[in-house]
Protein backbone atom coordinates (compact mmCIF):
# COMPACT_ATOMS: atom_id res chain seq x y z
CA ALA A 1 0.02 -0.03 0.03
CA GLU A 2 1.03 3.59 -0.59
CA VAL A 3 2.18 5.71 2.27
CA GLY A 4 -0.73 7.74 3.52
CA MET A 5 -3.43 5.32 2.60
CA LYS A 6 -5.71 4.44 5.52
CA PRO A 7 -5.92 0.70 6.40
CA PHE A 8 -9.67 0.53 5.92
CA THR A 9 -9.34 2.13 2.48
CA VAL A 10 -6.85 -0.56 1.46
CA ILE A 11 -9.03 -3.36 2.71
CA ALA A 12 -12.05 -1.93 0.84
CA ILE A 13 -10.10 -1.59 -2.46
CA VAL A 14 -8.74 -5.19 -2.12
CA LEU A 15 -12.29 -6.48 -1.33
CA PHE A 16 -14.01 -4.65 -4.13
CA SER A 17 -11.26 -5.72 -6.57
CA LEU A 18 -11.60 -9.39 -5.56
CA ILE A 19 -15.40 -9.29 -5.85
CA ALA A 20 -14.99 -7.68 -9.35
CA ILE A 21 -12.49 -10.36 -10.44
CA LEU A 22 -14.80 -13.19 -9.22
CA GLN A 23 -17.78 -11.68 -11.05
CA LEU A 24 -15.73 -11.23 -14.19
CA ALA A 25 -14.67 -14.94 -13.84
CA ARG A 26 -18.25 -16.07 -13.48
CA PHE A 27 -19.26 -13.98 -16.44
CA ILE A 28 -16.67 -15.30 -18.75
CA LEU A 29 -16.76 -18.97 -17.50
CA GLY A 30 -20.48 -19.15 -17.18
CA TRP A 31 -20.53 -20.46 -13.66
CA GLU A 32 -24.13 -21.23 -12.48
CA VAL A 33 -25.28 -19.58 -9.26
CA SER A 34 -28.56 -20.06 -7.45
CA VAL A 35 -29.81 -18.42 -4.26
CA ASN A 36 -32.58 -20.23 -2.44
CA GLY A 37 -33.33 -22.29 -5.66
CA VAL A 38 -33.54 -19.20 -7.89
CA ALA A 39 -30.85 -19.13 -10.66
CA ILE A 40 -29.01 -15.78 -10.90
CA PRO A 41 -28.61 -14.73 -14.54
CA ILE A 42 -25.06 -14.48 -16.01
CA TRP A 43 -25.65 -10.83 -17.09
CA ALA A 44 -25.96 -9.87 -13.42
CA SER A 45 -22.28 -10.75 -12.94
CA GLY A 46 -21.45 -8.40 -15.71
CA VAL A 47 -23.22 -5.62 -13.93
CA ALA A 48 -21.65 -6.56 -10.51
CA PHE A 49 -18.21 -6.51 -12.19
CA VAL A 50 -18.75 -2.94 -13.49
CA VAL A 51 -20.09 -1.71 -10.16
CA ALA A 52 -17.57 -3.39 -7.94
CA GLY A 53 -14.60 -2.54 -10.25
CA GLY A 54 -15.85 1.01 -10.48
CA VAL A 55 -16.03 1.42 -6.65
CA ALA A 56 -12.51 -0.11 -6.32
CA VAL A 57 -11.19 2.37 -8.91
CA MET A 58 -12.92 5.39 -7.41
CA LEU A 59 -11.63 4.46 -4.00
CA TRP A 60 -8.11 4.10 -5.28
CA ARG A 61 -8.20 7.35 -7.16
CA GLU A 62 -9.67 9.22 -4.14
CA SER A 63 -7.02 7.82 -1.78
CA HIS A 64 -4.28 8.38 -4.29
CA THR A 65 -5.15 12.04 -4.94
CA ARG A 66 -5.42 12.62 -1.11
CA ALA A 67 -2.12 10.86 -0.39
CA THR A 68 -0.20 12.95 -3.00
CA SER A 69 -1.71 16.36 -2.14
């Protein structure tokens, strides 16, 4: 981690990045997921990848600009 980044921010970035990577893997590999017997569509993982990845990038950019200023 960069100097000046708060530990919670680093944990959040890592978590959101991991979620995004797993969602992308499901989207590409077509893993089936069901919750309480209801199948979750593959396209939902594409949306989840964009959202989780976007949050990770925004957190990183925000902490990076704060750390350098």
